[in-house]
Amino acid sequence: MLKKLLILIGILLVTSPGYAAPAYGTHMPEEKRFTCGLEGSFILDRNLDNDQGSTSGDRYFATVSYGVFEWLCFDGKIGIGDVRWDRTAGNDDLDYASNFAGAYGFRLKGYENDEWGIKSVAGFQHISVHPDAKDQEGNKHETIIDEWQGSLVVSKDIGNFIPYTGVRYGTVDFIKWVDEKDRKRIQSEKYYGIIAGFDYRLDDRTKINLEGIFLDGEELAIGISRDF
């Protein structure tokens, strides 16, 4: 069963489009312990402000979380990511090839009810993607994607299945410039999102995660992690 699930996750990581800033669910490492894993985080579509079209891309990370205290953990990840800019009518779309991507954040435990199997977690997440420059029509196009968000999620334990839902507030900042000048920052059109996802425990220390985000954009994340 574990082998089949790992194969499925591998296929999804290779074939899924987009990127996102996942909220991680409500699982946190114990104090002075680590949780490590692999993750593909995706945005299918995120509209940009001021009629600047939309953006998307693919990102793949190695992840680590560290329990500073029983109620606080720090999250970090490193990997690669690309970016697509679907521009407005009359402008050619741009595809920026994969290069460095990194992220950091923290989470705080909130209300818990052991009898009902309910947990809540509030967090902050930031992802930055630095794709390769794109040469198009004699011009050098460069971009950086900065995604910032605050999130609040609530989960319910149902055996090994742990669904959760929540809300987030944040933006994708599309920072662009051409021929090393005219630097411009374009923010998201919308800032509020709805989070829905689940963890599934494969054993006491290993879980898989699937998460979608809607309303402010269409995003997806999938990963596997293990406690150490």
Protein backbone atom coordinates (compact mmCIF):
# COMPACT_ATOMS: atom_id res chain seq x y z
CA MET A 1 0.00 0.00 0.00
CA LEU A 2 2.79 2.43 0.90
CA LYS A 3 4.61 1.69 -2.38
CA LYS A 4 1.45 2.40 -4.40
CA LEU A 5 0.84 5.70 -2.59
CA LEU A 6 4.43 6.83 -3.16
CA ILE A 7 4.16 6.03 -6.87
CA LEU A 8 0.87 7.99 -7.08
CA ILE A 9 2.43 11.02 -5.36
CA GLY A 10 5.42 10.86 -7.70
CA ILE A 11 3.14 10.89 -10.76
CA LEU A 12 1.15 13.84 -9.42
CA LEU A 13 4.30 15.82 -8.65
CA VAL A 14 5.53 15.36 -12.21
CA THR A 15 2.25 16.06 -14.02
CA SER A 16 0.46 18.71 -11.92
CA PRO A 17 0.51 22.38 -13.02
CA GLY A 18 1.02 25.54 -10.93
CA TYR A 19 2.30 26.63 -7.50
CA ALA A 20 0.98 27.79 -4.10
CA ALA A 21 1.82 28.71 -0.50
CA PRO A 22 0.35 25.73 1.38
CA ALA A 23 -1.00 26.18 4.90
CA TYR A 24 0.45 22.75 5.94
CA GLY A 25 -2.67 21.56 7.77
CA THR A 26 -2.62 21.26 11.56
CA HIS A 27 0.17 18.70 12.02
CA MET A 28 3.22 20.22 13.77
CA PRO A 29 6.48 18.58 14.90
CA GLU A 30 7.00 17.97 18.59
CA GLU A 31 9.24 20.32 20.57
CA LYS A 32 12.89 20.08 19.41
CA ARG A 33 11.94 17.54 16.71
CA PHE A 34 11.82 17.73 12.91
CA THR A 35 9.32 16.92 10.18
CA CYS A 36 10.89 16.52 6.71
CA GLY A 37 9.36 15.79 3.34
CA LEU A 38 8.85 16.43 -0.38
CA GLU A 39 6.23 18.73 -1.85
CA GLY A 40 4.85 19.94 -5.15
CA SER A 41 2.94 23.21 -4.72
CA PHE A 42 0.90 24.57 -7.59
CA ILE A 43 -1.12 27.54 -8.79
CA LEU A 44 -3.46 26.82 -11.69
CA ASP A 45 -4.50 30.44 -12.13
CA ARG A 46 -4.10 33.68 -10.17
CA ASN A 47 -5.39 36.93 -11.66
CA LEU A 48 -3.18 40.02 -11.38
CA ASP A 49 -4.35 43.52 -10.52
CA ASN A 50 -4.77 46.41 -12.97
CA ASP A 51 -5.67 44.18 -15.94
CA GLN A 52 -2.20 42.63 -16.05
CA GLY A 53 -3.45 39.14 -16.93
CA SER A 54 -2.69 36.13 -14.71
CA THR A 55 0.23 34.02 -13.53
CA SER A 56 0.93 30.32 -12.94
CA GLY A 57 3.94 27.98 -12.61
CA ASP A 58 5.36 24.72 -11.17
CA ARG A 59 7.45 24.32 -7.99
CA TYR A 60 9.04 21.34 -6.26
CA PHE A 61 10.52 21.46 -2.76
CA ALA A 62 12.35 19.59 -0.05
CA THR A 63 10.67 20.70 3.18
CA VAL A 64 11.58 20.84 6.87
CA SER A 65 9.70 21.98 9.97
CA TYR A 66 11.24 22.37 13.43
CA GLY A 67 9.34 22.42 16.72
CA VAL A 68 10.76 25.38 18.65
CA PHE A 69 8.21 24.92 21.43
CA GLU A 70 5.20 22.65 21.85
CA TRP A 71 3.04 25.49 20.49
CA LEU A 72 5.39 26.99 17.83
CA CYS A 73 7.23 25.63 14.80
CA PHE A 74 9.30 27.15 11.99
CA ASP A 75 8.87 25.93 8.40
CA GLY A 76 11.36 26.11 5.56
CA LYS A 77 11.81 24.66 2.09
CA ILE A 78 14.13 24.86 -0.88
CA GLY A 79 13.72 23.77 -4.48
CA ILE A 80 13.09 24.94 -8.02
CA GLY A 81 10.22 26.73 -9.74
CA ASP A 82 9.13 28.22 -13.05
CA VAL A 83 6.63 30.98 -13.87
CA ARG A 84 4.11 31.62 -16.63
CA TRP A 85 2.64 35.04 -17.35
CA ASP A 86 -0.61 34.96 -19.32
CA ARG A 87 -0.70 38.54 -20.51
CA THR A 88 -3.60 40.67 -21.68
CA ALA A 89 -4.86 40.80 -25.28
CA GLY A 90 -2.28 42.05 -27.78
CA ASN A 91 0.73 40.95 -25.69
CA ASP A 92 2.60 37.66 -26.09
CA ASP A 93 2.55 35.29 -23.10
CA LEU A 94 5.87 34.65 -21.36
CA ASP A 95 7.26 31.39 -19.96
CA TYR A 96 10.18 31.69 -17.52
CA ALA A 97 12.21 28.46 -17.09
CA SER A 98 12.87 26.80 -13.73
CA ASN A 99 15.43 28.15 -11.29
CA PHE A 100 15.79 28.69 -7.52
CA ALA A 101 12.74 28.76 -5.25
CA GLY A 102 12.65 28.99 -1.46
CA ALA A 103 10.20 29.55 1.38
CA TYR A 104 9.91 30.11 5.12
CA GLY A 105 7.18 30.58 7.70
CA PHE A 106 5.94 29.71 11.16
CA ARG A 107 2.82 28.20 12.76
CA LEU A 108 1.15 28.59 16.17
CA LYS A 109 -1.14 26.07 17.84
CA GLY A 110 -4.61 27.37 18.58
CA TYR A 111 -7.72 25.82 20.13
CA GLU A 112 -7.66 22.03 20.61
CA ASN A 113 -10.27 19.54 21.85
CA ASP A 114 -8.85 16.03 22.27
CA GLU A 115 -12.27 14.50 22.97
CA TRP A 116 -13.64 15.72 19.64
CA GLY A 117 -10.34 15.36 17.74
CA ILE A 118 -10.35 19.04 16.79
CA LYS A 119 -7.22 21.16 16.26
CA SER A 120 -6.60 24.68 14.97
CA VAL A 121 -3.40 26.31 13.73
CA ALA A 122 -2.59 29.88 12.65
CA GLY A 123 0.42 30.54 10.44
CA PHE A 124 2.41 32.82 8.17
CA GLN A 125 4.02 31.64 4.93
CA HIS A 126 6.25 33.29 2.30
CA ILE A 127 7.46 31.76 -0.98
CA SER A 128 9.87 33.38 -3.44
CA VAL A 129 10.57 32.09 -6.97
CA HIS A 130 13.47 33.35 -9.11
CA PRO A 131 13.06 31.78 -12.58
CA ASP A 132 15.50 32.17 -15.46
CA ALA A 133 15.28 35.27 -17.63
CA LYS A 134 13.34 34.99 -20.90
CA ASP A 135 14.71 36.42 -24.16
CA GLN A 136 11.82 37.33 -26.42
CA GLU A 137 11.72 39.61 -29.47
CA GLY A 138 15.16 40.98 -28.68
CA ASN A 139 14.32 41.90 -25.08
CA LYS A 140 15.46 40.30 -21.82
CA HIS A 141 12.43 39.70 -19.56
CA GLU A 142 13.06 38.95 -15.86
CA THR A 143 10.71 38.30 -12.97
CA ILE A 144 10.52 37.34 -9.29
CA ILE A 145 7.38 35.92 -7.67
CA ASP A 146 6.79 36.73 -3.99
CA GLU A 147 3.80 35.10 -2.31
CA TRP A 148 2.79 36.21 1.21
CA GLN A 149 -0.06 34.86 3.30
CA GLY A 150 -1.49 34.50 6.77
CA SER A 151 -3.70 31.46 7.35
CA LEU A 152 -6.01 29.85 9.89
CA VAL A 153 -7.08 26.19 9.57
CA VAL A 154 -9.18 23.81 11.67
CA SER A 155 -9.01 20.00 11.41
CA LYS A 156 -11.00 16.99 12.61
CA ASP A 157 -9.38 13.59 13.24
CA ILE A 158 -11.30 10.70 11.67
CA GLY A 159 -8.96 7.78 12.30
CA ASN A 160 -6.01 8.08 9.92
CA PHE A 161 -7.93 10.62 7.79
CA ILE A 162 -7.65 14.25 8.96
CA PRO A 163 -9.64 16.72 6.84
CA TYR A 164 -9.20 20.45 7.44
CA THR A 165 -10.55 23.74 6.19
CA GLY A 166 -9.71 27.37 6.74
CA VAL A 167 -9.12 30.84 5.35
CA ARG A 168 -6.12 32.87 4.23
CA TYR A 169 -5.26 36.47 3.41
CA GLY A 170 -2.36 37.23 1.11
CA THR A 171 -1.02 38.23 -2.27
CA VAL A 172 1.15 37.03 -5.12
CA ASP A 173 3.50 39.87 -6.08
CA PHE A 174 4.62 39.59 -9.71
CA ILE A 175 7.82 41.66 -9.92
CA LYS A 176 9.01 42.22 -13.49
CA TRP A 177 11.52 44.27 -15.46
CA VAL A 178 12.77 44.38 -19.07
CA ASP A 179 16.39 44.86 -20.18
CA GLU A 180 17.38 45.46 -16.54
CA LYS A 181 15.16 48.55 -16.12
CA ASP A 182 11.54 49.63 -15.57
CA ARG A 183 11.10 47.40 -12.50
CA LYS A 184 7.40 47.05 -11.60
CA ARG A 185 5.52 45.17 -8.85
CA ILE A 186 2.04 43.83 -9.74
CA GLN A 187 -0.12 42.40 -6.94
CA SER A 188 -2.96 39.91 -7.00
CA GLU A 189 -6.44 40.99 -7.99
CA LYS A 190 -7.95 39.28 -4.90
CA TYR A 191 -6.57 38.70 -1.39
CA TYR A 192 -8.97 36.31 0.43
CA GLY A 193 -8.87 32.56 -0.12
CA ILE A 194 -10.63 29.42 1.13
CA ILE A 195 -8.46 26.44 2.14
CA ALA A 196 -9.61 22.79 1.98
CA GLY A 197 -7.39 19.73 2.37
CA PHE A 198 -6.53 16.60 4.30
CA ASP A 199 -3.68 14.63 5.85
CA TYR A 200 -3.65 10.84 5.67
CA ARG A 201 -1.45 8.92 8.12
CA LEU A 202 0.41 6.01 6.53
CA ASP A 203 1.83 5.13 9.96
CA ASP A 204 2.57 6.88 13.26
CA ARG A 205 5.27 9.10 11.71
CA THR A 206 4.48 9.32 7.97
CA LYS A 207 1.65 11.15 6.25
CA ILE A 208 0.57 12.37 2.84
CA ASN A 209 -1.12 15.73 2.29
CA LEU A 210 -3.41 17.17 -0.37
CA GLU A 211 -4.57 20.79 -0.24
CA GLY A 212 -6.55 23.10 -2.51
CA ILE A 213 -7.09 26.87 -2.28
CA PHE A 214 -9.95 28.70 -3.94
CA LEU A 215 -11.68 32.09 -4.22
CA ASP A 216 -8.61 34.31 -4.67
CA GLY A 217 -7.16 31.84 -7.17
CA GLU A 218 -7.00 28.15 -8.04
CA GLU A 219 -4.13 26.41 -6.26
CA LEU A 220 -3.09 22.88 -5.34
CA ALA A 221 -0.38 21.28 -3.17
CA ILE A 222 0.54 17.65 -2.61
CA GLY A 223 3.32 16.14 -0.50
CA ILE A 224 4.63 13.46 1.79
CA SER A 225 6.43 13.97 5.13
CA ARG A 226 7.87 12.04 8.06
CA ASP A 227 8.51 12.96 11.70
CA PHE A 228 12.03 12.56 13.10
